């Protein structure tokens, strides 16, 4: 079952972005985004943690 490289979505150099690489979504390391109190991953730009309510604006 040999596949041509162009049959795979990440090998499409004509896709927007130029080189055909899939940029993906979230960065690999989310440690910098964790809530300092409960380690939940809050939404980007959130003022408070969705889980424990800690103010995320302090110290940033």
Protein backbone atom coordinates (compact mmCIF):
# COMPACT_ATOMS: atom_id res chain seq x y z
CA UNK A 1 0.00 0.00 0.00
CA UNK A 2 2.44 2.63 -1.21
CA UNK A 3 1.29 6.21 -0.89
CA UNK A 4 2.50 9.07 -2.99
CA UNK A 5 3.81 11.90 -0.77
CA UNK A 6 1.33 14.34 -2.34
CA UNK A 7 -1.55 12.19 -1.02
CA UNK A 8 -0.78 13.28 2.54
CA UNK A 9 -2.10 16.71 3.63
CA UNK A 10 1.21 17.79 5.20
CA UNK A 11 3.06 17.31 1.91
CA UNK A 12 1.09 19.81 -0.13
CA UNK A 13 3.45 22.65 -1.04
CA UNK A 14 0.67 24.51 -2.86
CA UNK A 15 -1.27 25.05 0.38
CA UNK A 16 -1.35 28.55 1.88
CA UNK A 17 1.80 28.96 3.93
CA UNK A 18 4.22 27.91 1.23
CA UNK A 19 6.26 24.93 2.37
CA UNK A 20 3.37 22.49 2.98
CA UNK A 21 4.11 21.99 6.67
CA UNK A 22 1.16 21.67 8.98
CA UNK A 23 1.55 24.43 11.56
CA UNK A 24 -0.78 22.76 14.03
CA UNK A 25 -2.62 24.46 16.87
CA UNK A 26 -1.38 24.93 20.40
CA UNK A 27 2.33 25.16 21.22
CA UNK A 28 3.88 22.00 22.63
CA UNK A 29 4.51 23.47 26.07
CA UNK A 30 1.63 25.10 27.90
CA UNK A 31 3.45 25.47 31.25
CA UNK A 32 3.63 29.25 30.97
CA UNK A 33 -0.15 29.42 30.61
CA UNK A 34 -1.09 27.28 33.63
CA UNK A 35 -3.04 28.78 36.51
CA UNK A 36 -0.57 29.25 39.40
CA UNK A 37 -3.12 27.95 41.93
CA UNK A 38 -4.76 24.90 40.35
CA UNK A 39 -2.75 24.19 37.15
CA UNK A 40 -5.81 24.53 34.87
CA UNK A 41 -5.18 25.87 31.36
CA UNK A 42 -7.22 29.08 31.11
CA UNK A 43 -8.39 30.64 27.86
CA UNK A 44 -5.86 33.05 26.32
CA UNK A 45 -6.37 36.56 27.74
CA UNK A 46 -8.66 35.39 30.56
CA UNK A 47 -8.74 37.65 33.62
CA UNK A 48 -9.58 34.82 36.01
CA UNK A 49 -9.13 31.04 36.07
CA UNK A 50 -12.24 29.17 34.99
CA UNK A 51 -11.66 26.48 37.62
CA UNK A 52 -10.65 28.25 40.83
CA UNK A 53 -11.23 31.96 40.10
CA UNK A 54 -7.63 33.08 40.69
CA UNK A 55 -6.89 36.50 39.21
CA UNK A 56 -4.55 35.81 36.28
CA UNK A 57 -3.68 39.47 35.65
CA UNK A 58 -1.39 39.69 38.71
CA UNK A 59 2.32 39.41 37.95
CA UNK A 60 1.95 39.29 34.18
